PDB file of N, CA and C in Angstrom:
ATOM      1  N   UNK A   1      32.303 189.957 -68.902  1.00  0.00           N
ATOM      2  CA  UNK A   1      32.160 188.827 -69.265  1.00  0.00           C
ATOM      3  C   UNK A   1      30.506 189.523 -69.021  1.00  0.00           C
ATOM      4  N   UNK A   2      30.030 190.064 -68.248  1.00  0.00           N
ATOM      5  CA  UNK A   2      28.605 190.134 -68.621  1.00  0.00           C
ATOM      6  C   UNK A   2      28.222 190.630 -69.491  1.00  0.00           C
ATOM      7  N   UNK A   3      28.578 191.558 -70.435  1.00  0.00           N
ATOM      8  CA  UNK A   3      28.131 191.387 -71.616  1.00  0.00           C
ATOM      9  C   UNK A   3      28.103 190.199 -72.688  1.00  0.00           C
ATOM     10  N   UNK A   4      29.050 189.703 -72.494  1.00  0.00           N
ATOM     11  CA  UNK A   4      29.472 188.251 -73.511  1.00  0.00           C
ATOM     12  C   UNK A   4      28.378 187.521 -72.894  1.00  0.00           C
ATOM     13  N   UNK A   5      27.492 186.809 -71.563  1.00  0.00           N
ATOM     14  CA  UNK A   5      26.690 186.221 -70.876  1.00  0.00           C
ATOM     15  C   UNK A   5      25.806 186.811 -72.000  1.00  0.00           C
ATOM     16  N   UNK A   6      25.124 187.903 -71.675  1.00  0.00           N
ATOM     17  CA  UNK A   6      23.780 188.334 -72.156  1.00  0.00           C
ATOM     18  C   UNK A   6      23.785 188.616 -73.631  1.00  0.00           C
ATOM     19  N   UNK A   7      24.774 188.461 -74.824  1.00  0.00           N
ATOM     20  CA  UNK A   7      25.132 188.132 -75.656  1.00  0.00           C
ATOM     21  C   UNK A   7      25.056 187.109 -76.109  1.00  0.00           C
ATOM     22  N   UNK A   8      25.776 185.821 -75.896  1.00  0.00           N
ATOM     23  CA  UNK A   8      25.206 184.499 -76.048  1.00  0.00           C
ATOM     24  C   UNK A   8      23.607 183.794 -75.634  1.00  0.00           C
ATOM     25  N   UNK A   9      23.790 184.651 -74.645  1.00  0.00           N
ATOM     26  CA  UNK A   9      21.971 184.267 -74.022  1.00  0.00           C
ATOM     27  C   UNK A   9      20.937 184.195 -75.192  1.00  0.00           C
ATOM     28  N   UNK A  10      20.974 185.540 -75.673  1.00  0.00           N
ATOM     29  CA  UNK A  10      20.319 186.359 -76.864  1.00  0.00           C
ATOM     30  C   UNK A  10      20.460 185.786 -78.032  1.00  0.00           C
ATOM     31  N   UNK A  11      21.518 185.335 -78.412  1.00  0.00           N
ATOM     32  CA  UNK A  11      21.632 184.813 -79.925  1.00  0.00           C
ATOM     33  C   UNK A  11      21.540 182.934 -79.308  1.00  0.00           C
ATOM     34  N   UNK A  12      21.712 182.520 -78.202  1.00  0.00           N
ATOM     35  CA  UNK A  12      21.233 180.986 -78.565  1.00  0.00           C
ATOM     36  C   UNK A  12      19.709 180.863 -77.396  1.00  0.00           C
ATOM     37  N   UNK A  13      18.892 181.706 -77.167  1.00  0.00           N
ATOM     38  CA  UNK A  13      17.796 181.152 -76.654  1.00  0.00           C
ATOM     39  C   UNK A  13      16.627 180.232 -77.037  1.00  0.00           C
ATOM     40  N   UNK A  14      17.079 180.061 -78.664  1.00  0.00           N
ATOM     41  CA  UNK A  14      16.305 179.114 -79.143  1.00  0.00           C
ATOM     42  C   UNK A  14      16.912 177.950 -79.400  1.00  0.00           C
ATOM     43  N   UNK A  15      16.503 176.407 -79.196  1.00  0.00           N
ATOM     44  CA  UNK A  15      16.978 175.885 -79.563  1.00  0.00           C
ATOM     45  C   UNK A  15      17.482 175.371 -81.107  1.00  0.00           C
ATOM     46  N   UNK A  16      18.395 174.557 -81.617  1.00  0.00           N
ATOM     47  CA  UNK A  16      18.464 173.713 -83.018  1.00  0.00           C
ATOM     48  C   UNK A  16      17.671 172.625 -82.801  1.00  0.00           C
ATOM     49  N   UNK A  17      16.926 172.936 -84.059  1.00  0.00           N
ATOM     50  CA  UNK A  17      15.817 172.481 -84.672  1.00  0.00           C
ATOM     51  C   UNK A  17      16.412 170.867 -85.117  1.00  0.00           C
ATOM     52  N   UNK A  18      16.067 170.115 -84.955  1.00  0.00           N
ATOM     53  CA  UNK A  18      16.706 168.599 -86.153  1.00  0.00           C
ATOM     54  C   UNK A  18      17.647 168.039 -85.483  1.00  0.00           C
ATOM     55  N   UNK A  19      18.243 168.496 -84.564  1.00  0.00           N
ATOM     56  CA  UNK A  19      19.747 167.850 -83.915  1.00  0.00           C
ATOM     57  C   UNK A  19      18.932 166.821 -82.554  1.00  0.00           C
ATOM     58  N   UNK A  20      17.889 166.935 -82.310  1.00  0.00           N
ATOM     59  CA  UNK A  20      17.112 166.431 -80.828  1.00  0.00           C
ATOM     60  C   UNK A  20      17.916 167.070 -79.705  1.00  0.00           C
ATOM     61  N   UNK A  21      16.879 166.534 -78.859  1.00  0.00           N
ATOM     62  CA  UNK A  21      17.728 167.235 -77.531  1.00  0.00           C
ATOM     63  C   UNK A  21      17.504 168.974 -77.728  1.00  0.00           C
ATOM     64  N   UNK A  22      18.180 169.358 -76.145  1.00  0.00           N
ATOM     65  CA  UNK A  22      18.422 170.585 -76.487  1.00  0.00           C
ATOM     66  C   UNK A  22      19.585 171.116 -77.115  1.00  0.00           C
ATOM     67  N   UNK A  23      19.787 171.393 -78.279  1.00  0.00           N
ATOM     68  CA  UNK A  23      21.431 171.945 -78.532  1.00  0.00           C
ATOM     69  C   UNK A  23      20.631 173.363 -78.963  1.00  0.00           C
ATOM     70  N   UNK A  24      21.953 174.004 -78.338  1.00  0.00           N
ATOM     71  CA  UNK A  24      21.830 175.071 -77.976  1.00  0.00           C
ATOM     72  C   UNK A  24      23.360 176.023 -79.342  1.00  0.00           C
ATOM     73  N   UNK A  25      23.027 176.898 -79.710  1.00  0.00           N
ATOM     74  CA  UNK A  25      24.773 177.650 -80.076  1.00  0.00           C
ATOM     75  C   UNK A  25      26.123 177.101 -79.652  1.00  0.00           C
ATOM     76  N   UNK A  26      25.343 177.166 -78.363  1.00  0.00           N
ATOM     77  CA  UNK A  26      26.382 177.301 -77.189  1.00  0.00           C
ATOM     78  C   UNK A  26      27.441 176.058 -77.417  1.00  0.00           C
ATOM     79  N   UNK A  27      26.387 174.936 -77.874  1.00  0.00           N
ATOM     80  CA  UNK A  27      26.894 173.872 -77.716  1.00  0.00           C
ATOM     81  C   UNK A  27      27.622 173.616 -79.486  1.00  0.00           C
ATOM     82  N   UNK A  28      26.925 174.176 -80.294  1.00  0.00           N
ATOM     83  CA  UNK A  28      27.459 173.594 -81.539  1.00  0.00           C
ATOM     84  C   UNK A  28      28.961 174.287 -81.742  1.00  0.00           C
ATOM     85  N   UNK A  29      28.648 176.027 -81.091  1.00  0.00           N
ATOM     86  CA  UNK A  29      30.154 176.382 -81.110  1.00  0.00           C
ATOM     87  C   UNK A  29      31.032 175.736 -79.634  1.00  0.00           C
ATOM     88  N   UNK A  30      31.722 174.832 -79.648  1.00  0.00           N
ATOM     89  CA  UNK A  30      32.259 174.391 -78.453  1.00  0.00           C
ATOM     90  C   UNK A  30      33.352 175.365 -78.648  1.00  0.00           C
ATOM     91  N   UNK A  31      34.014 175.783 -77.087  1.00  0.00           N
ATOM     92  CA  UNK A  31      35.022 177.048 -77.189  1.00  0.00           C
ATOM     93  C   UNK A  31      36.637 176.498 -77.965  1.00  0.00           C
ATOM     94  N   UNK A  32      36.862 175.213 -78.217  1.00  0.00           N
ATOM     95  CA  UNK A  32      37.855 174.496 -79.074  1.00  0.00           C
ATOM     96  C   UNK A  32      37.490 175.000 -80.540  1.00  0.00           C
ATOM     97  N   UNK A  33      36.335 174.265 -81.188  1.00  0.00           N
ATOM     98  CA  UNK A  33      35.600 174.841 -82.336  1.00  0.00           C
ATOM     99  C   UNK A  33      36.424 176.552 -82.359  1.00  0.00           C
ATOM    100  N   UNK A  34      35.473 177.157 -81.674  1.00  0.00           N
ATOM    101  CA  UNK A  34      35.684 178.509 -81.736  1.00  0.00           C
ATOM    102  C   UNK A  34      37.221 179.478 -81.859  1.00  0.00           C
ATOM    103  N   UNK A  35      38.122 179.191 -80.859  1.00  0.00           N
ATOM    104  CA  UNK A  35      39.569 179.017 -80.942  1.00  0.00           C
ATOM    105  C   UNK A  35      39.953 178.800 -82.430  1.00  0.00           C
ATOM    106  N   UNK A  36      39.748 177.428 -82.819  1.00  0.00           N
ATOM    107  CA  UNK A  36      39.986 176.642 -84.075  1.00  0.00           C
ATOM    108  C   UNK A  36      39.665 177.461 -85.107  1.00  0.00           C
ATOM    109  N   UNK A  37      38.638 177.874 -85.525  1.00  0.00           N
ATOM    110  CA  UNK A  37      38.068 178.704 -86.268  1.00  0.00           C
ATOM    111  C   UNK A  37      37.782 180.154 -86.621  1.00  0.00           C
ATOM    112  N   UNK A  38      37.995 180.660 -85.733  1.00  0.00           N
ATOM    113  CA  UNK A  38      37.611 182.411 -85.659  1.00  0.00           C
ATOM    114  C   UNK A  38      38.348 182.940 -84.715  1.00  0.00           C
ATOM    115  N   UNK A  39      38.538 184.074 -84.950  1.00  0.00           N
ATOM    116  CA  UNK A  39      39.444 185.339 -83.114  1.00  0.00           C
ATOM    117  C   UNK A  39      38.768 185.266 -81.956  1.00  0.00           C
ATOM    118  N   UNK A  40      37.644 184.720 -81.356  1.00  0.00           N
ATOM    119  CA  UNK A  40      37.164 184.874 -80.582  1.00  0.00           C
ATOM    120  C   UNK A  40      37.362 183.603 -79.586  1.00  0.00           C
ATOM    121  N   UNK A  41      37.161 183.189 -78.313  1.00  0.00           N
ATOM    122  CA  UNK A  41      37.369 182.250 -77.549  1.00  0.00           C
ATOM    123  C   UNK A  41      36.483 181.410 -77.295  1.00  0.00           C
ATOM    124  N   UNK A  42      34.981 182.057 -77.968  1.00  0.00           N
ATOM    125  CA  UNK A  42      33.557 181.811 -77.260  1.00  0.00           C
ATOM    126  C   UNK A  42      32.300 182.490 -77.666  1.00  0.00           C
ATOM    127  N   UNK A  43      31.680 181.687 -78.693  1.00  0.00           N
ATOM    128  CA  UNK A  43      30.668 182.346 -79.482  1.00  0.00           C
ATOM    129  C   UNK A  43      29.695 183.472 -78.803  1.00  0.00           C
ATOM    130  N   UNK A  44      29.678 183.300 -77.289  1.00  0.00           N
ATOM    131  CA  UNK A  44      29.061 184.819 -76.367  1.00  0.00           C
ATOM    132  C   UNK A  44      30.374 186.028 -76.860  1.00  0.00           C
ATOM    133  N   UNK A  45      31.359 185.438 -76.815  1.00  0.00           N
ATOM    134  CA  UNK A  45      32.580 186.725 -77.432  1.00  0.00           C
ATOM    135  C   UNK A  45      32.709 187.031 -78.728  1.00  0.00           C
ATOM    136  N   UNK A  46      32.078 186.519 -79.393  1.00  0.00           N
ATOM    137  CA  UNK A  46      31.948 186.514 -81.032  1.00  0.00           C
ATOM    138  C   UNK A  46      31.199 187.619 -81.319  1.00  0.00           C
ATOM    139  N   UNK A  47      30.363 187.157 -80.484  1.00  0.00           N
ATOM    140  CA  UNK A  47      28.603 188.381 -80.494  1.00  0.00           C
ATOM    141  C   UNK A  47      29.250 189.234 -79.878  1.00  0.00           C
ATOM    142  N   UNK A  48      29.205 189.304 -78.836  1.00  0.00           N
ATOM    143  CA  UNK A  48      29.707 190.487 -78.055  1.00  0.00           C
ATOM    144  C   UNK A  48      30.806 191.381 -78.679  1.00  0.00           C
ATOM    145  N   UNK A  49      31.964 190.688 -79.330  1.00  0.00           N
ATOM    146  CA  UNK A  49      32.425 191.797 -79.884  1.00  0.00           C
ATOM    147  C   UNK A  49      32.083 192.266 -81.229  1.00  0.00           C
ATOM    148  N   UNK A  50      30.939 192.247 -81.778  1.00  0.00           N
ATOM    149  CA  UNK A  50      31.180 192.999 -83.086  1.00  0.00           C
ATOM    150  C   UNK A  50      30.236 194.009 -82.701  1.00  0.00           C
ATOM    151  N   UNK A  51      29.900 195.059 -83.813  1.00  0.00           N
ATOM    152  CA  UNK A  51      29.398 196.283 -83.749  1.00  0.00           C
ATOM    153  C   UNK A  51      28.151 196.292 -83.186  1.00  0.00           C
ATOM    154  N   UNK A  52      27.409 195.088 -83.020  1.00  0.00           N
ATOM    155  CA  UNK A  52      25.738 195.167 -82.657  1.00  0.00           C
ATOM    156  C   UNK A  52      25.913 194.761 -81.309  1.00  0.00           C
ATOM    157  N   UNK A  53      24.581 195.796 -80.588  1.00  0.00           N
ATOM    158  CA  UNK A  53      24.435 196.041 -79.442  1.00  0.00           C
ATOM    159  C   UNK A  53      23.544 194.390 -79.587  1.00  0.00           C
ATOM    160  N   UNK A  54      23.854 193.501 -79.190  1.00  0.00           N
ATOM    161  CA  UNK A  54      22.567 192.289 -78.834  1.00  0.00           C
ATOM    162  C   UNK A  54      22.257 192.391 -77.472  1.00  0.00           C
ATOM    163  N   UNK A  55      20.467 192.363 -76.997  1.00  0.00           N
ATOM    164  CA  UNK A  55      20.612 192.217 -75.527  1.00  0.00           C
ATOM    165  C   UNK A  55      19.598 191.452 -75.745  1.00  0.00           C
ATOM    166  N   UNK A  56      18.528 190.756 -76.742  1.00  0.00           N
ATOM    167  CA  UNK A  56      17.815 190.054 -76.503  1.00  0.00           C
ATOM    168  C   UNK A  56      18.084 189.199 -77.900  1.00  0.00           C
ATOM    169  N   UNK A  57      16.986 187.922 -78.029  1.00  0.00           N
ATOM    170  CA  UNK A  57      16.572 186.988 -79.395  1.00  0.00           C
ATOM    171  C   UNK A  57      16.969 188.286 -80.398  1.00  0.00           C
ATOM    172  N   UNK A  58      15.641 188.967 -80.180  1.00  0.00           N
ATOM    173  CA  UNK A  58      15.132 190.066 -81.261  1.00  0.00           C
ATOM    174  C   UNK A  58      15.819 190.820 -81.793  1.00  0.00           C
ATOM    175  N   UNK A  59      17.182 191.475 -80.601  1.00  0.00           N
ATOM    176  CA  UNK A  59      18.139 192.296 -81.221  1.00  0.00           C
ATOM    177  C   UNK A  59      19.364 191.511 -82.194  1.00  0.00           C
ATOM    178  N   UNK A  60      19.458 190.173 -81.662  1.00  0.00           N
ATOM    179  CA  UNK A  60      20.268 189.522 -82.873  1.00  0.00           C
ATOM    180  C   UNK A  60      19.581 188.841 -84.295  1.00  0.00           C
ATOM    181  N   UNK A  61      18.311 188.631 -83.995  1.00  0.00           N
ATOM    182  CA  UNK A  61      17.337 188.865 -85.148  1.00  0.00           C
ATOM    183  C   UNK A  61      17.404 190.216 -86.073  1.00  0.00           C
ATOM    184  N   UNK A  62      17.623 191.312 -85.932  1.00  0.00           N
ATOM    185  CA  UNK A  62      17.588 192.157 -86.677  1.00  0.00           C
ATOM    186  C   UNK A  62      18.935 192.535 -87.208  1.00  0.00           C
ATOM    187  N   UNK A  63      20.159 192.245 -86.966  1.00  0.00           N
ATOM    188  CA  UNK A  63      21.032 192.553 -87.106  1.00  0.00           C
ATOM    189  C   UNK A  63      20.657 192.178 -88.543  1.00  0.00           C
ATOM    190  N   UNK A  64      21.171 193.024 -89.586  1.00  0.00           N
ATOM    191  CA  UNK A  64      21.052 192.311 -90.885  1.00  0.00           C
ATOM    192  C   UNK A  64      21.904 191.589 -91.567  1.00  0.00           C
ATOM    193  N   UNK A  65      21.700 190.778 -92.345  1.00  0.00           N
ATOM    194  CA  UNK A  65      22.517 189.341 -92.772  1.00  0.00           C
ATOM    195  C   UNK A  65      23.938 189.552 -93.383  1.00  0.00           C
ATOM    196  N   UNK A  66      23.367 190.476 -94.488  1.00  0.00           N
ATOM    197  CA  UNK A  66      24.903 190.930 -94.932  1.00  0.00           C
ATOM    198  C   UNK A  66      25.734 191.660 -93.990  1.00  0.00           C
ATOM    199  N   UNK A  67      25.328 192.459 -92.989  1.00  0.00           N
ATOM    200  CA  UNK A  67      26.334 193.153 -91.952  1.00  0.00           C
ATOM    201  C   UNK A  67      26.968 191.815 -91.299  1.00  0.00           C
ATOM    202  N   UNK A  68      26.008 190.943 -90.837  1.00  0.00           N
ATOM    203  CA  UNK A  68      26.506 189.590 -89.840  1.00  0.00           C
ATOM    204  C   UNK A  68      27.286 189.094 -90.399  1.00  0.00           C
ATOM    205  N   UNK A  69      27.384 188.954 -91.924  1.00  0.00           N
ATOM    206  CA  UNK A  69      28.193 188.471 -92.779  1.00  0.00           C
ATOM    207  C   UNK A  69      29.717 188.766 -92.672  1.00  0.00           C
ATOM    208  N   UNK A  70      29.273 190.350 -92.885  1.00  0.00           N
ATOM    209  CA  UNK A  70      30.553 190.493 -93.016  1.00  0.00           C
ATOM    210  C   UNK A  70      31.694 190.787 -91.747  1.00  0.00           C
ATOM    211  N   UNK A  71      31.026 190.497 -90.345  1.00  0.00           N
ATOM    212  CA  UNK A  71      31.507 190.699 -89.513  1.00  0.00           C
ATOM    213  C   UNK A  71      32.180 188.990 -89.343  1.00  0.00           C
ATOM    214  N   UNK A  72      31.513 187.907 -89.970  1.00  0.00           N
ATOM    215  CA  UNK A  72      31.664 186.788 -89.553  1.00  0.00           C
ATOM    216  C   UNK A  72      33.076 186.531 -90.598  1.00  0.00           C
ATOM    217  N   UNK A  73      32.621 187.053 -92.031  1.00  0.00           N
ATOM    218  CA  UNK A  73      33.831 187.115 -93.165  1.00  0.00           C
ATOM    219  C   UNK A  73      34.988 187.330 -92.222  1.00  0.00           C
ATOM    220  N   UNK A  74      35.112 188.356 -91.603  1.00  0.00           N
ATOM    221  CA  UNK A  74      35.987 189.329 -90.795  1.00  0.00           C
ATOM    222  C   UNK A  74      37.173 188.745 -89.776  1.00  0.00           C
ATOM    223  N   UNK A  75      35.972 187.752 -88.881  1.00  0.00           N
ATOM    224  CA  UNK A  75      36.416 187.376 -88.033  1.00  0.00           C
ATOM    225  C   UNK A  75      36.535 185.651 -87.691  1.00  0.00           C
ATOM    226  N   UNK A  76      36.142 185.004 -88.696  1.00  0.00           N
ATOM    227  CA  UNK A  76      36.573 183.780 -88.866  1.00  0.00           C
ATOM    228  C   UNK A  76      37.079 183.388 -90.084  1.00  0.00           C
ATOM    229  N   UNK A  77      37.039 181.955 -90.660  1.00  0.00           N
ATOM    230  CA  UNK A  77      37.727 181.605 -91.671  1.00  0.00           C
ATOM    231  C   UNK A  77      36.465 180.854 -92.237  1.00  0.00           C
ATOM    232  N   UNK A  78      35.477 181.685 -92.579  1.00  0.00           N
ATOM    233  CA  UNK A  78      33.756 181.671 -92.904  1.00  0.00           C
ATOM    234  C   UNK A  78      33.777 183.182 -93.489  1.00  0.00           C
ATOM    235  N   UNK A  79      32.647 182.558 -94.707  1.00  0.00           N
ATOM    236  CA  UNK A  79      32.303 183.841 -95.897  1.00  0.00           C
ATOM    237  C   UNK A  79      30.849 184.505 -95.310  1.00  0.00           C
ATOM    238  N   UNK A  80      29.954 183.313 -94.851  1.00  0.00           N
ATOM    239  CA  UNK A  80      29.137 183.743 -94.083  1.00  0.00           C
ATOM    240  C   UNK A  80      28.667 183.298 -92.940  1.00  0.00           C
ATOM    241  N   UNK A  81      27.544 183.765 -92.158  1.00  0.00           N
ATOM    242  CA  UNK A  81      26.947 183.223 -91.001  1.00  0.00           C
ATOM    243  C   UNK A  81      26.531 181.975 -91.627  1.00  0.00           C
ATOM    244  N   UNK A  82      26.165 181.516 -92.482  1.00  0.00           N
ATOM    245  CA  UNK A  82      25.358 179.878 -92.928  1.00  0.00           C
ATOM    246  C   UNK A  82      26.287 178.950 -93.040  1.00  0.00           C
ATOM    247  N   UNK A  83      27.623 179.851 -93.782  1.00  0.00           N
ATOM    248  CA  UNK A  83      29.115 178.766 -94.025  1.00  0.00           C
ATOM    249  C   UNK A  83      29.289 178.244 -92.604  1.00  0.00           C
ATOM    250  N   UNK A  84      29.333 179.357 -91.318  1.00  0.00           N
ATOM    251  CA  UNK A  84      29.644 179.025 -90.585  1.00  0.00           C
ATOM    252  C   UNK A  84      28.767 178.317 -89.393  1.00  0.00           C
ATOM    253  N   UNK A  85      27.421 178.786 -89.408  1.00  0.00           N
ATOM    254  CA  UNK A  85      26.892 177.739 -88.679  1.00  0.00           C
ATOM    255  C   UNK A  85      27.030 176.230 -89.098  1.00  0.00           C
ATOM    256  N   UNK A  86      26.301 175.879 -90.502  1.00  0.00           N
ATOM    257  CA  UNK A  86      26.786 174.404 -91.539  1.00  0.00           C
ATOM    258  C   UNK A  86      28.136 173.600 -90.719  1.00  0.00           C
ATOM    259  N   UNK A  87      29.750 174.276 -90.584  1.00  0.00           N
ATOM    260  CA  UNK A  87      30.522 173.573 -90.428  1.00  0.00           C
ATOM    261  C   UNK A  87      30.149 173.567 -88.660  1.00  0.00           C
ATOM    262  N   UNK A  88      29.507 174.312 -88.071  1.00  0.00           N
ATOM    263  CA  UNK A  88      29.484 173.705 -86.205  1.00  0.00           C
ATOM    264  C   UNK A  88      28.640 172.668 -86.394  1.00  0.00           C
ATOM    265  N   UNK A  89      27.211 172.454 -87.139  1.00  0.00           N
ATOM    266  CA  UNK A  89      26.577 171.620 -86.894  1.00  0.00           C
ATOM    267  C   UNK A  89      27.212 170.379 -87.658  1.00  0.00           C
ATOM    268  N   UNK A  90      27.940 170.084 -88.785  1.00  0.00           N
ATOM    269  CA  UNK A  90      28.897 168.824 -88.894  1.00  0.00           C
ATOM    270  C   UNK A  90      29.621 168.594 -87.976  1.00  0.00           C
ATOM    271  N   UNK A  91      30.497 169.995 -87.178  1.00  0.00           N
ATOM    272  CA  UNK A  91      31.369 169.028 -86.689  1.00  0.00           C
ATOM    273  C   UNK A  91      30.745 168.527 -84.818  1.00  0.00           C
ATOM    274  N   UNK A  92      29.489 169.335 -84.623  1.00  0.00           N
ATOM    275  CA  UNK A  92      28.816 168.567 -83.325  1.00  0.00           C
ATOM    276  C   UNK A  92      28.075 166.631 -83.674  1.00  0.00           C
ATOM    277  N   UNK A  93      27.814 167.375 -85.224  1.00  0.00           N
ATOM    278  CA  UNK A  93      27.256 165.792 -85.724  1.00  0.00           C
ATOM    279  C   UNK A  93      28.142 164.546 -85.170  1.00  0.00           C
ATOM    280  N   UNK A  94      29.289 164.887 -85.775  1.00  0.00           N
ATOM    281  CA  UNK A  94      30.187 164.418 -86.130  1.00  0.00           C
ATOM    282  C   UNK A  94      30.777 163.627 -84.748  1.00  0.00           C
ATOM    283  N   UNK A  95      31.049 164.659 -84.051  1.00  0.00           N
ATOM    284  CA  UNK A  95      31.561 164.744 -82.521  1.00  0.00           C
ATOM    285  C   UNK A  95      30.779 163.623 -82.235  1.00  0.00           C
ATOM    286  N   UNK A  96      29.301 164.014 -82.237  1.00  0.00           N
ATOM    287  CA  UNK A  96      28.229 162.961 -81.302  1.00  0.00           C
ATOM    288  C   UNK A  96      28.618 161.580 -81.874  1.00  0.00           C
ATOM    289  N   UNK A  97      28.520 161.236 -82.883  1.00  0.00           N
ATOM    290  CA  UNK A  97      28.706 159.700 -83.838  1.00  0.00           C
ATOM    291  C   UNK A  97      29.784 159.530 -83.335  1.00  0.00           C
ATOM    292  N   UNK A  98      30.900 159.960 -82.828  1.00  0.00           N
ATOM    293  CA  UNK A  98      32.430 159.376 -82.335  1.00  0.00           C
ATOM    294  C   UNK A  98      31.828 158.927 -80.785  1.00  0.00           C
ATOM    295  N   UNK A  99      31.294 159.685 -80.527  1.00  0.00           N
ATOM    296  CA  UNK A  99      31.482 160.000 -78.901  1.00  0.00           C
ATOM    297  C   UNK A  99      30.463 158.588 -78.635  1.00  0.00           C
ATOM    298  N   UNK A 100      29.251 158.402 -79.518  1.00  0.00           N
ATOM    299  CA  UNK A 100      28.522 157.438 -79.463  1.00  0.00           C
ATOM    300  C   UNK A 100      29.224 155.664 -79.762  1.00  0.00           C
ATOM    301  N   UNK A 101      30.083 156.082 -80.802  1.00  0.00           N
ATOM    302  CA  UNK A 101      30.274 154.914 -81.173  1.00  0.00           C
ATOM    303  C   UNK A 101      31.867 154.623 -80.198  1.00  0.00           C
ATOM    304  N   UNK A 102      32.257 155.087 -80.291  1.00  0.00           N
ATOM    305  CA  UNK A 102      33.651 155.056 -78.714  1.00  0.00           C
ATOM    306  C   UNK A 102      32.930 154.020 -77.537  1.00  0.00           C
ATOM    307  N   UNK A 103      31.823 154.774 -77.271  1.00  0.00           N
ATOM    308  CA  UNK A 103      31.342 154.315 -76.101  1.00  0.00           C
ATOM    309  C   UNK A 103      30.773 152.871 -76.402  1.00  0.00           C
ATOM    310  N   UNK A 104      30.356 152.542 -77.122  1.00  0.00           N
ATOM    311  CA  UNK A 104      29.759 151.191 -77.258  1.00  0.00           C
ATOM    312  C   UNK A 104      31.082 150.439 -77.906  1.00  0.00           C
ATOM    313  N   UNK A 105      31.954 150.683 -78.508  1.00  0.00           N
ATOM    314  CA  UNK A 105      32.732 150.120 -79.156  1.00  0.00           C
ATOM    315  C   UNK A 105      33.870 149.436 -77.627  1.00  0.00           C
ATOM    316  N   UNK A 106      33.840 150.753 -76.752  1.00  0.00           N
ATOM    317  CA  UNK A 106      34.544 150.002 -75.505  1.00  0.00           C
ATOM    318  C   UNK A 106      33.304 149.471 -73.959  1.00  0.00           C
ATOM    319  N   UNK A 107      32.235 149.229 -74.866  1.00  0.00           N
ATOM    320  CA  UNK A 107      31.786 148.689 -73.409  1.00  0.00           C
ATOM    321  C   UNK A 107      31.109 146.964 -73.501  1.00  0.00           C
ATOM    322  N   UNK A 108      32.071 146.144 -73.438  1.00  0.00           N
ATOM    323  CA  UNK A 108      32.239 145.308 -73.518  1.00  0.00           C
ATOM    324  C   UNK A 108      30.976 144.154 -73.241  1.00  0.00           C
ATOM    325  N   UNK A 109      29.826 144.933 -72.468  1.00  0.00           N
ATOM    326  CA  UNK A 109      28.602 144.315 -72.114  1.00  0.00           C
ATOM    327  C   UNK A 109      27.431 144.891 -72.966  1.00  0.00           C
ATOM    328  N   UNK A 110      28.011 145.651 -74.039  1.00  0.00           N
ATOM    329  CA  UNK A 110      27.061 146.373 -75.193  1.00  0.00           C
ATOM    330  C   UNK A 110      26.223 144.879 -75.909  1.00  0.00           C
ATOM    331  N   UNK A 111      26.927 143.935 -76.249  1.00  0.00           N
ATOM    332  CA  UNK A 111      25.924 143.158 -77.425  1.00  0.00           C
ATOM    333  C   UNK A 111      25.705 142.013 -76.212  1.00  0.00           C
ATOM    334  N   UNK A 112      26.086 141.971 -75.236  1.00  0.00           N
ATOM    335  CA  UNK A 112      25.474 140.822 -73.990  1.00  0.00           C
ATOM    336  C   UNK A 112      24.024 140.518 -73.904  1.00  0.00           C
ATOM    337  N   UNK A 113      23.495 139.202 -73.758  1.00  0.00           N
ATOM    338  CA  UNK A 113      22.134 139.423 -73.587  1.00  0.00           C
ATOM    339  C   UNK A 113      21.949 139.811 -72.637  1.00  0.00           C
ATOM    340  N   UNK A 114      20.717 140.655 -72.259  1.00  0.00           N
ATOM    341  CA  UNK A 114      20.548 140.797 -71.070  1.00  0.00           C
ATOM    342  C   UNK A 114      21.008 140.523 -69.277  1.00  0.00           C
ATOM    343  N   UNK A 115      20.477 138.598 -70.049  1.00  0.00           N
ATOM    344  CA  UNK A 115      20.745 137.830 -68.948  1.00  0.00           C
ATOM    345  C   UNK A 115      22.441 137.810 -68.260  1.00  0.00           C
ATOM    346  N   UNK A 116      23.094 138.340 -69.010  1.00  0.00           N
ATOM    347  CA  UNK A 116      24.557 138.236 -68.999  1.00  0.00           C
ATOM    348  C   UNK A 116      25.155 139.850 -68.223  1.00  0.00           C
ATOM    349  N   UNK A 117      24.486 140.793 -67.926  1.00  0.00           N
ATOM    350  CA  UNK A 117      25.000 141.711 -67.846  1.00  0.00           C
ATOM    351  C   UNK A 117      24.474 142.251 -66.033  1.00  0.00           C
TER     352      UNK A 117
END
């Protein structure tokens, strides 16, 4: 578990830009998503179970793209890291939009003037 935690911390130390707030790979690759699309229970396990020694952000970034794509293709439904990441971002955004629509839809005071709240 400790190796998995270090791997995920290394892989997610940077925020994912453009999504607003502090969105990490751990946010994008929710455990439910990982179980559905990969053979790992979490993004940390996915990284830790690779043949690559990931101890920090730099070691994760030094993994040759083609070799990481091979790992992704062998252990997920995706052919490349880019494809896996894009699918996770799409799922994350869709989930966030649905969550915000659900909150608004079920809030009886959402459209009431401030004086009525």
